[in-house]
Protein backbone atom coordinates (compact mmCIF):
# COMPACT_ATOMS: atom_id res chain seq x y z
CA MET A 1 5.30 23.36 5.22
CA SER A 2 7.10 26.16 3.49
CA ILE A 3 6.96 27.22 -0.13
CA THR A 4 10.76 27.40 -0.21
CA PHE A 5 10.90 23.69 0.52
CA LEU A 6 8.47 22.77 -2.26
CA VAL A 7 9.82 24.95 -5.05
CA PRO A 8 12.90 22.78 -5.64
CA LEU A 9 10.75 19.69 -5.23
CA PHE A 10 8.43 20.68 -8.07
CA PHE A 11 10.85 22.22 -10.54
CA ALA A 12 14.24 20.58 -10.07
CA SER A 13 15.17 17.27 -11.71
CA PRO A 14 13.60 14.52 -9.60
CA PRO A 15 16.02 12.43 -7.54
CA HIS A 16 16.14 8.64 -7.98
CA ASN A 17 13.86 8.14 -4.96
CA ALA A 18 11.65 11.19 -5.61
CA CYS A 19 8.51 9.32 -4.58
CA THR A 20 9.59 7.93 -1.24
CA GLU A 21 7.50 8.16 1.91
CA TYR A 22 9.60 10.46 4.08
CA GLY A 23 9.04 13.25 6.56
CA VAL A 24 5.78 14.44 8.06
CA PRO A 25 2.87 13.75 5.69
CA MET A 26 1.41 16.74 3.89
CA LEU A 27 -2.04 15.40 4.75
CA GLU A 28 -3.38 12.50 6.80
CA MET A 29 -6.96 11.28 6.80
CA ARG A 30 -7.58 9.08 9.84
CA GLN A 31 -10.85 7.17 9.77
CA ARG A 32 -11.73 6.01 13.30
CA SER A 33 -14.70 4.87 15.36
CA THR A 34 -15.66 5.05 19.01
CA ALA A 35 -17.49 1.73 18.57
CA SER A 36 -14.56 -0.40 17.37
CA THR A 37 -10.77 -0.50 17.09
CA SER A 38 -10.90 -0.68 13.29
CA SER A 39 -9.07 2.19 11.59
CA THR A 40 -7.90 3.35 8.18
CA THR A 41 -5.20 5.97 7.70
CA THR A 42 -4.37 7.59 4.37
CA LYS A 43 -1.12 9.55 4.18
CA ILE A 44 -0.01 11.85 1.37
CA PHE A 45 3.61 13.00 1.32
CA ALA A 46 5.19 16.04 -0.32
CA SER A 47 7.07 13.71 -2.68
CA GLY A 48 3.75 12.56 -4.15
CA ALA A 49 3.83 9.17 -2.42
CA TRP A 50 0.64 8.03 -0.72
CA THR A 51 -0.20 5.06 1.49
CA VAL A 52 -3.33 3.48 2.92
CA THR A 53 -3.00 1.50 6.15
CA ARG A 54 -5.91 -0.54 7.48
CA ASP A 55 -5.78 -1.79 11.07
CA GLY A 56 -2.02 -1.42 11.13
CA HIS A 57 -1.46 -3.27 7.84
CA LEU A 58 -0.18 -1.54 4.72
CA ASP A 59 -3.09 -2.04 2.31
CA ASP A 60 -2.26 0.15 -0.68
CA ARG A 61 0.28 2.66 -1.92
CA GLY A 62 0.90 4.75 -4.99
CA CYS A 63 2.43 7.94 -6.34
CA PHE A 64 0.88 11.13 -7.65
CA ASP A 65 2.56 12.84 -10.58
CA ARG A 66 3.88 16.40 -10.21
CA LYS A 67 0.71 18.03 -11.52
CA GLU A 68 -1.47 16.08 -9.11
CA VAL A 69 0.68 16.67 -6.03
CA ARG A 70 0.95 20.40 -6.88
CA SER A 71 -2.84 20.60 -7.11
CA ILE A 72 -3.27 18.78 -3.80
CA TYR A 73 -0.64 20.93 -2.07
CA ARG A 74 -2.22 24.17 -3.19
CA ALA A 75 -5.70 23.07 -2.13
CA VAL A 76 -4.56 21.80 1.28
CA GLU A 77 -2.33 24.77 2.10
CA ARG A 78 -4.78 27.42 0.91
CA ALA A 79 -7.75 25.93 2.73
CA PRO A 80 -8.59 27.84 5.96
CA TRP A 81 -9.42 24.61 7.86
CA GLN A 82 -12.00 26.47 9.90
CA THR A 83 -14.61 24.55 11.88
CA VAL A 84 -18.06 26.11 11.59
CA SER A 85 -21.57 25.26 12.76
CA SER A 86 -23.33 22.82 10.48
CA PRO A 87 -26.61 23.96 8.90
CA VAL A 88 -27.82 20.35 9.15
CA MET A 89 -28.86 19.45 12.69
CA CYS A 90 -29.94 15.99 13.77
CA PHE A 91 -30.12 13.85 16.88
CA ARG A 92 -28.57 10.70 15.44
CA TYR A 93 -25.19 9.65 16.81
CA ASP A 94 -22.59 8.22 14.44
CA PRO A 95 -19.56 6.60 16.12
CA ASN A 96 -17.49 6.96 12.96
CA PHE A 97 -15.37 10.03 12.37
CA THR A 98 -12.45 11.20 10.21
CA GLU A 99 -9.57 13.33 11.43
CA TYR A 100 -7.73 15.55 8.94
CA VAL A 101 -4.14 16.22 9.95
CA VAL A 102 -2.17 18.83 7.96
CA ASP A 103 1.62 18.94 8.37
CA GLY A 104 1.31 16.92 11.57
CA LYS A 105 -1.39 19.13 13.15
CA LEU A 106 -5.03 18.08 13.62
CA ARG A 107 -7.09 20.65 11.74
CA PHE A 108 -10.59 19.21 11.40
CA THR A 109 -12.67 16.27 12.67
CA GLU A 110 -15.55 15.27 10.45
CA GLN A 111 -18.45 13.40 12.09
CA PHE A 112 -22.03 12.99 10.95
CA CYS A 113 -24.59 14.88 13.05
CA SER A 114 -21.88 16.45 15.19
CA GLY A 115 -23.26 19.93 14.60
CA LYS A 116 -19.91 20.98 13.14
CA THR A 117 -18.51 21.08 9.63
CA ALA A 118 -15.65 22.78 7.77
CA ASP A 119 -15.73 25.93 5.68
CA LEU A 120 -16.58 25.57 1.98
CA GLN A 121 -13.01 25.96 0.70
CA THR A 122 -11.76 23.28 3.08
CA LEU A 123 -14.54 20.90 2.03
CA GLN A 124 -13.60 21.50 -1.61
CA ALA A 125 -9.96 20.70 -0.80
CA ILE A 126 -11.01 17.44 0.88
CA ASP A 127 -13.14 16.52 -2.15
CA LEU A 128 -10.19 17.22 -4.47
CA VAL A 129 -7.88 14.95 -2.46
CA LYS A 130 -10.44 12.13 -2.39
CA HIS A 131 -10.99 12.47 -6.14
CA GLU A 132 -7.26 12.29 -6.88
CA LEU A 133 -6.88 9.21 -4.64
CA ALA A 134 -9.84 7.50 -6.32
CA THR A 135 -8.39 8.03 -9.79
CA ASP A 136 -4.75 7.22 -8.93
CA LYS A 137 -5.01 3.44 -9.22
CA PRO A 138 -1.71 1.57 -8.83
CA ILE A 139 -0.77 -1.14 -11.30
CA ALA A 140 -1.02 -4.64 -9.86
CA PRO A 141 2.35 -6.28 -9.19
CA LEU A 142 3.65 -8.80 -11.71
CA PHE A 143 3.93 -11.41 -8.96
CA GLU A 144 3.10 -11.55 -5.25
CA ILE A 145 3.95 -14.01 -2.53
CA ARG A 146 1.78 -13.58 0.56
CA LYS A 147 2.85 -15.69 3.53
CA ARG A 148 -0.06 -16.13 5.91
CA SER A 149 -1.08 -18.06 9.01
CA ASP A 150 -4.33 -19.17 10.66
CA ILE A 151 -2.85 -18.31 14.06
CA ALA A 152 -0.84 -15.37 15.40
CA ALA A 153 2.57 -15.81 13.76
CA PRO A 154 5.08 -13.74 11.74
CA THR A 155 4.08 -13.41 8.08
CA ALA A 156 5.28 -11.42 5.07
CA ASP A 157 4.34 -9.87 1.72
CA ILE A 158 6.70 -10.01 -1.26
CA LYS A 159 5.92 -8.11 -4.46
CA ILE A 160 7.65 -7.98 -7.84
CA TYR A 161 6.72 -5.24 -10.32
CA ASP A 162 7.02 -5.06 -14.11
CA SER A 163 9.82 -2.52 -13.74
CA GLY A 164 11.95 -5.08 -11.88
CA ALA A 165 11.43 -3.42 -8.50
CA TRP A 166 10.66 -5.79 -5.62
CA THR A 167 9.63 -5.24 -2.02
CA TYR A 168 9.71 -7.41 1.09
CA GLN A 169 7.34 -6.46 3.92
CA PRO A 170 7.67 -8.46 7.17
CA ILE A 171 4.69 -8.53 9.52
CA ASP A 172 5.06 -9.59 13.15
CA LYS A 173 2.69 -11.99 14.93
CA ALA A 174 0.64 -9.08 16.26
CA GLY A 175 0.00 -7.94 12.68
CA HIS A 176 2.31 -4.91 12.79
CA PRO A 177 4.26 -4.29 9.55
CA GLY A 178 8.03 -4.01 9.87
CA ALA A 179 10.62 -2.13 7.84
CA ILE A 180 10.34 -2.69 4.09
CA THR A 181 13.33 -3.97 2.13
CA THR A 182 13.37 -3.03 -1.55
CA GLY A 183 15.55 -3.71 -4.54
CA THR A 184 15.57 -4.01 -8.32
CA PHE A 185 16.35 -7.01 -10.51
CA ASP A 186 18.88 -6.46 -13.28
CA ARG A 187 17.62 -6.72 -16.86
CA ARG A 188 18.69 -10.33 -17.35
CA THR A 189 17.02 -11.49 -14.14
CA LEU A 190 13.85 -9.49 -14.80
CA ALA A 191 13.58 -10.96 -18.31
CA LEU A 192 13.97 -14.46 -16.87
CA VAL A 193 11.39 -13.86 -14.15
CA LYS A 194 8.84 -12.33 -16.54
CA ARG A 195 9.29 -15.08 -19.11
CA THR A 196 8.98 -17.80 -16.49
CA ILE A 197 5.86 -16.31 -14.90
CA ASP A 198 4.05 -15.51 -18.14
CA ARG A 199 4.72 -18.90 -19.73
CA ALA A 200 3.51 -20.89 -16.74
CA PRO A 201 -0.09 -22.16 -17.17
CA TRP A 202 -1.03 -21.77 -13.49
CA ASP A 203 -3.37 -24.75 -13.62
CA THR A 204 -4.63 -26.22 -10.36
CA THR A 205 -6.34 -29.50 -9.57
CA PHE A 206 -7.76 -30.92 -6.35
CA SER A 207 -7.00 -34.28 -4.81
CA ARG A 208 -9.48 -36.23 -2.69
CA ILE A 209 -6.68 -38.04 -0.89
CA VAL A 210 -4.55 -35.83 1.34
CA CYS A 211 -2.34 -36.43 4.36
CA ARG A 212 -3.54 -35.63 7.88
CA ALA A 213 -0.71 -33.38 8.97
CA TYR A 214 -1.71 -29.78 9.68
CA SER A 215 0.19 -26.51 9.64
CA PRO A 216 -1.45 -23.12 10.24
CA SER A 217 0.98 -21.50 7.80
CA PHE A 218 0.21 -21.20 4.11
CA THR A 219 1.43 -19.19 1.11
CA GLN A 220 -0.63 -17.46 -1.55
CA TYR A 221 0.78 -16.76 -5.02
CA TYR A 222 -0.71 -13.92 -7.09
CA VAL A 223 -0.01 -13.24 -10.79
CA HIS A 224 -1.00 -9.80 -12.14
CA GLY A 225 -3.23 -9.29 -9.08
CA LYS A 226 -5.04 -12.64 -9.38
CA LEU A 227 -4.73 -15.39 -6.79
CA GLU A 228 -3.47 -18.44 -8.69
CA PHE A 229 -2.42 -20.92 -6.02
CA THR A 230 -2.44 -21.43 -2.27
CA ALA A 231 0.29 -23.72 -0.97
CA ARG A 232 -0.49 -25.48 2.31
CA LEU A 233 0.96 -28.55 4.01
CA CYS A 234 -1.21 -31.54 3.02
CA GLY A 235 -3.57 -29.22 1.16
CA ALA A 236 -5.90 -30.62 -1.48
CA GLU A 237 -4.92 -28.05 -4.12
CA ARG A 238 -2.22 -29.13 -6.59
CA LEU A 239 -0.32 -26.90 -9.01
CA ASP A 240 0.94 -28.03 -12.41
CA GLU A 241 4.63 -28.89 -12.77
CA ARG A 242 5.63 -25.92 -14.97
CA SER A 243 4.05 -23.45 -12.58
CA ARG A 244 5.77 -25.07 -9.60
CA ALA A 245 9.04 -24.70 -11.50
CA ALA A 246 8.23 -21.02 -12.14
CA ILE A 247 7.73 -20.43 -8.41
CA ALA A 248 11.06 -22.12 -7.71
CA VAL A 249 12.81 -19.79 -10.20
CA VAL A 250 11.20 -16.66 -8.75
CA GLU A 251 11.95 -17.64 -5.16
CA ARG A 252 15.56 -18.48 -6.05
CA GLU A 253 16.12 -15.09 -7.72
CA LEU A 254 14.44 -13.31 -4.82
CA ALA A 255 16.68 -15.10 -2.34
CA ILE A 256 19.75 -14.02 -4.31
CA ALA A 257 18.50 -10.42 -4.55
CA GLN A 258 17.57 -10.23 -0.88
CA GLY A 259 20.90 -11.67 0.13
CA SER A 260 22.70 -8.90 -1.72
CA ALA A 261 20.34 -6.15 -0.55
CA THR A 262 21.61 -3.63 1.97
CA ALA A 263 19.76 -2.37 5.02
CA PRO A 264 16.06 -1.56 4.43
CA GLN A 265 15.58 1.52 2.29
CA PRO A 266 12.51 3.72 1.74
CA VAL A 267 10.34 2.31 -1.02
CA SER A 268 9.93 4.35 -4.18
CA SER A 269 6.36 3.75 -5.22
CA CYS A 270 6.86 5.54 -8.54
CA SER A 271 9.22 2.81 -9.70
CA HIS A 272 6.51 0.18 -9.24
CA THR A 273 5.03 0.53 -12.68
């Protein structure tokens, strides 16, 4: 990655989608294991956007501010990424390892008791990145709709943020996330959605008498990061009338917004605040 590319990024006026996930990541941290197929990949982009994917599912995302991404860039680019012999020798085998990929190139593989480590400056750069990720906590969405299934079937995640931004993430039956569609509610619609969600009591009760029909599909509704209701065919959980009406309003406005949305666009994580 060249300095000439990053100078205008850091000092020019940020574009509308300045925090999109585009291009080759500045840094990837790939946590893998020889004992299982489980994996976690963290990607940090030059725009400041970062994502965490667990077993192929998008688990978290956020956006560093300019000061943070500048600090990360300097540390990553100035680090030598030299592999050296570890002063700590042991005979234990750990199947877990982490690959560090810089600008698309594997630079270092960290594994306990491997007999290898990275130079001090590189280890300090890794610590800096981990610290910035740990402190860059995203704000929970205003409202989430998580469509799920007990069997292999297409599902989806829908999120609405306080800013009015919304995202739709389809997931195929194999669990692979598809292209994200994003949009923004206008002020009138956002005010309606916020008012409707915040005024709903989100009270649930349970019925002893339920029907015997079964569907593997169910939908979870989250408000400010808290699971409030799980809708399932013939489920025992019942939601109060005002909250059911609130869901109907939100889903109606989402359907209108999605119908008018264009082809999937890169998601700007910075707008989700």
